[in-house]
Amino acid sequence: MSPSWSRTATASATAALTLLAALVVTGSRLAVIPLIVAFIALQRHWKAGLTAGSGK
């Protein structure tokens, strides 16, 4: 059987990792939002450039 301080330390480390994972996921989602907005806003220019470059 492990000492009580070991169980407390393990529970604390697990909680810290859970919080860290939540922060990483939240940050990743927030970082993607401007990319999605830019893609939607500039999509027509992107399509126009593709069609302009296809002909000779």
PDB file of N, CA and C in Angstrom:
ATOM      1  N   MET A   1       0.840  -1.177   0.000  1.00  0.00           N
ATOM      2  CA  MET A   1       0.000   0.000   0.000  1.00  0.00           C
ATOM      3  C   MET A   1       0.890   1.247   0.000  1.00  0.00           C
ATOM      4  N   SER A   2       0.550   2.219  -0.825  1.00  0.00           N
ATOM      5  CA  SER A   2       1.360   3.429  -0.905  1.00  0.00           C
ATOM      6  C   SER A   2       0.965   4.424   0.181  1.00  0.00           C
ATOM      7  N   PRO A   3       1.914   5.263   0.575  1.00  0.00           N
ATOM      8  CA  PRO A   3       1.613   6.256   1.608  1.00  0.00           C
ATOM      9  C   PRO A   3       0.578   7.267   1.105  1.00  0.00           C
ATOM     10  N   SER A   4      -0.096   7.926   2.032  1.00  0.00           N
ATOM     11  CA  SER A   4      -1.163   8.857   1.654  1.00  0.00           C
ATOM     12  C   SER A   4      -0.613  10.056   0.882  1.00  0.00           C
ATOM     13  N   TRP A   5       0.612  10.508   1.206  1.00  0.00           N
ATOM     14  CA  TRP A   5       1.163  11.645   0.467  1.00  0.00           C
ATOM     15  C   TRP A   5       1.414  11.290  -0.992  1.00  0.00           C
ATOM     16  N   SER A   6       1.714  10.012  -1.267  1.00  0.00           N
ATOM     17  CA  SER A   6       1.953   9.565  -2.632  1.00  0.00           C
ATOM     18  C   SER A   6       0.650   9.598  -3.431  1.00  0.00           C
ATOM     19  N   ARG A   7      -0.431   9.157  -2.812  1.00  0.00           N
ATOM     20  CA  ARG A   7      -1.733   9.195  -3.490  1.00  0.00           C
ATOM     21  C   ARG A   7      -2.152  10.631  -3.752  1.00  0.00           C
ATOM     22  N   THR A   8      -1.903  11.516  -2.794  1.00  0.00           N
ATOM     23  CA  THR A   8      -2.260  12.925  -2.962  1.00  0.00           C
ATOM     24  C   THR A   8      -1.444  13.551  -4.082  1.00  0.00           C
ATOM     25  N   ALA A   9      -0.154  13.243  -4.121  1.00  0.00           N
ATOM     26  CA  ALA A   9       0.708  13.780  -5.169  1.00  0.00           C
ATOM     27  C   ALA A   9       0.273  13.266  -6.538  1.00  0.00           C
ATOM     28  N   THR A  10      -0.102  12.006  -6.610  1.00  0.00           N
ATOM     29  CA  THR A  10      -0.546  11.431  -7.876  1.00  0.00           C
ATOM     30  C   THR A  10      -1.849  12.071  -8.325  1.00  0.00           C
ATOM     31  N   ALA A  11      -2.777  12.265  -7.407  1.00  0.00           N
ATOM     32  CA  ALA A  11      -4.050  12.891  -7.741  1.00  0.00           C
ATOM     33  C   ALA A  11      -3.829  14.332  -8.177  1.00  0.00           C
ATOM     34  N   SER A  12      -2.912  15.020  -7.514  1.00  0.00           N
ATOM     35  CA  SER A  12      -2.618  16.406  -7.864  1.00  0.00           C
ATOM     36  C   SER A  12      -1.980  16.490  -9.253  1.00  0.00           C
ATOM     37  N   ALA A  13      -1.066  15.592  -9.552  1.00  0.00           N
ATOM     38  CA  ALA A  13      -0.411  15.571 -10.860  1.00  0.00           C
ATOM     39  C   ALA A  13      -1.418  15.239 -11.957  1.00  0.00           C
ATOM     40  N   THR A  14      -2.319  14.326 -11.679  1.00  0.00           N
ATOM     41  CA  THR A  14      -3.348  13.968 -12.651  1.00  0.00           C
ATOM     42  C   THR A  14      -4.253  15.158 -12.928  1.00  0.00           C
ATOM     43  N   ALA A  15      -4.632  15.880 -11.894  1.00  0.00           N
ATOM     44  CA  ALA A  15      -5.477  17.057 -12.069  1.00  0.00           C
ATOM     45  C   ALA A  15      -4.747  18.130 -12.866  1.00  0.00           C
ATOM     46  N   ALA A  16      -3.461  18.296 -12.605  1.00  0.00           N
ATOM     47  CA  ALA A  16      -2.676  19.293 -13.335  1.00  0.00           C
ATOM     48  C   ALA A  16      -2.568  18.924 -14.810  1.00  0.00           C
ATOM     49  N   LEU A  17      -2.371  17.649 -15.108  1.00  0.00           N
ATOM     50  CA  LEU A  17      -2.288  17.214 -16.501  1.00  0.00           C
ATOM     51  C   LEU A  17      -3.621  17.367 -17.212  1.00  0.00           C
ATOM     52  N   THR A  18      -4.713  17.105 -16.497  1.00  0.00           N
ATOM     53  CA  THR A  18      -6.040  17.277 -17.076  1.00  0.00           C
ATOM     54  C   THR A  18      -6.275  18.742 -17.413  1.00  0.00           C
ATOM     55  N   LEU A  19      -5.895  19.636 -16.501  1.00  0.00           N
ATOM     56  CA  LEU A  19      -6.042  21.070 -16.742  1.00  0.00           C
ATOM     57  C   LEU A  19      -5.161  21.504 -17.909  1.00  0.00           C
ATOM     58  N   LEU A  20      -3.943  21.014 -17.959  1.00  0.00           N
ATOM     59  CA  LEU A  20      -3.025  21.357 -19.049  1.00  0.00           C
ATOM     60  C   LEU A  20      -3.586  20.889 -20.390  1.00  0.00           C
ATOM     61  N   ALA A  21      -4.121  19.699 -20.433  1.00  0.00           N
ATOM     62  CA  ALA A  21      -4.704  19.184 -21.672  1.00  0.00           C
ATOM     63  C   ALA A  21      -5.884  20.043 -22.112  1.00  0.00           C
ATOM     64  N   ALA A  22      -6.709  20.457 -21.173  1.00  0.00           N
ATOM     65  CA  ALA A  22      -7.851  21.313 -21.499  1.00  0.00           C
ATOM     66  C   ALA A  22      -7.378  22.657 -22.047  1.00  0.00           C
ATOM     67  N   LEU A  23      -6.327  23.208 -21.460  1.00  0.00           N
ATOM     68  CA  LEU A  23      -5.790  24.482 -21.948  1.00  0.00           C
ATOM     69  C   LEU A  23      -5.198  24.354 -23.349  1.00  0.00           C
ATOM     70  N   VAL A  24      -4.530  23.251 -23.618  1.00  0.00           N
ATOM     71  CA  VAL A  24      -3.942  23.026 -24.940  1.00  0.00           C
ATOM     72  C   VAL A  24      -5.044  22.896 -25.997  1.00  0.00           C
ATOM     73  N   VAL A  25      -6.078  22.161 -25.686  1.00  0.00           N
ATOM     74  CA  VAL A  25      -7.180  21.988 -26.641  1.00  0.00           C
ATOM     75  C   VAL A  25      -7.878  23.324 -26.885  1.00  0.00           C
ATOM     76  N   THR A  26      -8.123  24.076 -25.833  1.00  0.00           N
ATOM     77  CA  THR A  26      -8.770  25.376 -25.979  1.00  0.00           C
ATOM     78  C   THR A  26      -7.909  26.324 -26.805  1.00  0.00           C
ATOM     79  N   GLY A  27      -6.619  26.361 -26.530  1.00  0.00           N
ATOM     80  CA  GLY A  27      -5.719  27.214 -27.292  1.00  0.00           C
ATOM     81  C   GLY A  27      -5.650  26.829 -28.759  1.00  0.00           C
ATOM     82  N   SER A  28      -5.665  25.545 -29.023  1.00  0.00           N
ATOM     83  CA  SER A  28      -5.631  25.071 -30.407  1.00  0.00           C
ATOM     84  C   SER A  28      -6.881  25.496 -31.163  1.00  0.00           C
ATOM     85  N   ARG A  29      -8.015  25.366 -30.515  1.00  0.00           N
ATOM     86  CA  ARG A  29      -9.268  25.773 -31.156  1.00  0.00           C
ATOM     87  C   ARG A  29      -9.289  27.273 -31.412  1.00  0.00           C
ATOM     88  N   LEU A  30      -8.815  28.056 -30.459  1.00  0.00           N
ATOM     89  CA  LEU A  30      -8.790  29.508 -30.643  1.00  0.00           C
ATOM     90  C   LEU A  30      -7.810  29.918 -31.741  1.00  0.00           C
ATOM     91  N   ALA A  31      -6.731  29.178 -31.898  1.00  0.00           N
ATOM     92  CA  ALA A  31      -5.745  29.495 -32.930  1.00  0.00           C
ATOM     93  C   ALA A  31      -6.269  29.193 -34.325  1.00  0.00           C
ATOM     94  N   VAL A  32      -7.191  28.256 -34.460  1.00  0.00           N
ATOM     95  CA  VAL A  32      -7.707  27.862 -35.762  1.00  0.00           C
ATOM     96  C   VAL A  32      -8.796  28.819 -36.257  1.00  0.00           C
ATOM     97  N   ILE A  33      -9.476  29.491 -35.354  1.00  0.00           N
ATOM     98  CA  ILE A  33     -10.596  30.357 -35.739  1.00  0.00           C
ATOM     99  C   ILE A  33     -10.182  31.426 -36.761  1.00  0.00           C
ATOM    100  N   PRO A  34      -9.084  32.181 -36.559  1.00  0.00           N
ATOM    101  CA  PRO A  34      -8.710  33.176 -37.583  1.00  0.00           C
ATOM    102  C   PRO A  34      -8.383  32.546 -38.938  1.00  0.00           C
ATOM    103  N   LEU A  35      -7.830  31.356 -38.946  1.00  0.00           N
ATOM    104  CA  LEU A  35      -7.547  30.678 -40.211  1.00  0.00           C
ATOM    105  C   LEU A  35      -8.830  30.338 -40.963  1.00  0.00           C
ATOM    106  N   ILE A  36      -9.821  29.883 -40.244  1.00  0.00           N
ATOM    107  CA  ILE A  36     -11.102  29.556 -40.871  1.00  0.00           C
ATOM    108  C   ILE A  36     -11.757  30.815 -41.425  1.00  0.00           C
ATOM    109  N   VAL A  37     -11.734  31.893 -40.650  1.00  0.00           N
ATOM    110  CA  VAL A  37     -12.321  33.157 -41.100  1.00  0.00           C
ATOM    111  C   VAL A  37     -11.595  33.661 -42.347  1.00  0.00           C
ATOM    112  N   ALA A  38     -10.269  33.612 -42.348  1.00  0.00           N
ATOM    113  CA  ALA A  38      -9.499  34.062 -43.511  1.00  0.00           C
ATOM    114  C   ALA A  38      -9.795  33.198 -44.733  1.00  0.00           C
ATOM    115  N   PHE A  39      -9.902  31.906 -44.546  1.00  0.00           N
ATOM    116  CA  PHE A  39     -10.191  31.017 -45.664  1.00  0.00           C
ATOM    117  C   PHE A  39     -11.552  31.328 -46.269  1.00  0.00           C
ATOM    118  N   ILE A  40     -12.557  31.523 -45.420  1.00  0.00           N
ATOM    119  CA  ILE A  40     -13.902  31.825 -45.919  1.00  0.00           C
ATOM    120  C   ILE A  40     -13.920  33.184 -46.614  1.00  0.00           C
ATOM    121  N   ALA A  41     -13.242  34.175 -46.032  1.00  0.00           N
ATOM    122  CA  ALA A  41     -13.242  35.516 -46.607  1.00  0.00           C
ATOM    123  C   ALA A  41     -12.490  35.574 -47.936  1.00  0.00           C
ATOM    124  N   LEU A  42     -11.429  34.803 -48.088  1.00  0.00           N
ATOM    125  CA  LEU A  42     -10.596  34.886 -49.286  1.00  0.00           C
ATOM    126  C   LEU A  42     -10.844  33.751 -50.279  1.00  0.00           C
ATOM    127  N   GLN A  43     -11.874  32.977 -50.050  1.00  0.00           N
ATOM    128  CA  GLN A  43     -12.120  31.808 -50.887  1.00  0.00           C
ATOM    129  C   GLN A  43     -12.387  32.189 -52.342  1.00  0.00           C
ATOM    130  N   ARG A  44     -13.119  33.258 -52.577  1.00  0.00           N
ATOM    131  CA  ARG A  44     -13.427  33.626 -53.973  1.00  0.00           C
ATOM    132  C   ARG A  44     -12.171  34.054 -54.726  1.00  0.00           C
ATOM    133  N   HIS A  45     -11.238  34.720 -54.042  1.00  0.00           N
ATOM    134  CA  HIS A  45      -9.989  35.127 -54.687  1.00  0.00           C
ATOM    135  C   HIS A  45      -9.114  33.904 -54.989  1.00  0.00           C
ATOM    136  N   TRP A  46      -9.151  32.945 -54.101  1.00  0.00           N
ATOM    137  CA  TRP A  46      -8.389  31.717 -54.298  1.00  0.00           C
ATOM    138  C   TRP A  46      -8.917  30.961 -55.517  1.00  0.00           C
ATOM    139  N   LYS A  47     -10.244  30.853 -55.612  1.00  0.00           N
ATOM    140  CA  LYS A  47     -10.848  30.168 -56.759  1.00  0.00           C
ATOM    141  C   LYS A  47     -10.557  30.909 -58.059  1.00  0.00           C
ATOM    142  N   ALA A  48     -10.613  32.240 -58.029  1.00  0.00           N
ATOM    143  CA  ALA A  48     -10.339  33.034 -59.224  1.00  0.00           C
ATOM    144  C   ALA A  48      -8.893  32.838 -59.676  1.00  0.00           C
ATOM    145  N   GLY A  49      -7.965  32.758 -58.744  1.00  0.00           N
ATOM    146  CA  GLY A  49      -6.571  32.546 -59.096  1.00  0.00           C
ATOM    147  C   GLY A  49      -6.336  31.171 -59.698  1.00  0.00           C
ATOM    148  N   LEU A  50      -7.047  30.174 -59.208  1.00  0.00           N
ATOM    149  CA  LEU A  50      -6.903  28.826 -59.773  1.00  0.00           C
ATOM    150  C   LEU A  50      -7.405  28.767 -61.210  1.00  0.00           C
ATOM    151  N   THR A  51      -8.550  29.385 -61.454  1.00  0.00           N
ATOM    152  CA  THR A  51      -9.103  29.331 -62.814  1.00  0.00           C
ATOM    153  C   THR A  51      -8.309  30.203 -63.775  1.00  0.00           C
ATOM    154  N   ALA A  52      -7.730  31.305 -63.306  1.00  0.00           N
ATOM    155  CA  ALA A  52      -6.946  32.185 -64.169  1.00  0.00           C
ATOM    156  C   ALA A  52      -5.649  31.497 -64.614  1.00  0.00           C
ATOM    157  N   GLY A  53      -5.094  30.694 -63.760  1.00  0.00           N
ATOM    158  CA  GLY A  53      -3.833  30.028 -64.077  1.00  0.00           C
ATOM    159  C   GLY A  53      -4.000  28.759 -64.884  1.00  0.00           C
ATOM    160  N   SER A  54      -5.232  28.333 -65.140  1.00  0.00           N
ATOM    161  CA  SER A  54      -5.419  27.054 -65.813  1.00  0.00           C
ATOM    162  C   SER A  54      -5.364  27.182 -67.348  1.00  0.00           C
ATOM    163  N   GLY A  55      -5.620  28.358 -67.887  1.00  0.00           N
ATOM    164  CA  GLY A  55      -5.633  28.523 -69.340  1.00  0.00           C
ATOM    165  C   GLY A  55      -4.292  29.014 -69.867  1.00  0.00           C
ATOM    166  N   LYS A  56      -4.135  28.839 -71.177  1.00  0.00           N
ATOM    167  CA  LYS A  56      -2.896  29.310 -71.806  1.00  0.00           C
ATOM    168  C   LYS A  56      -3.098  30.603 -72.508  1.00  0.00           C
TER     169      LYS A  56
END
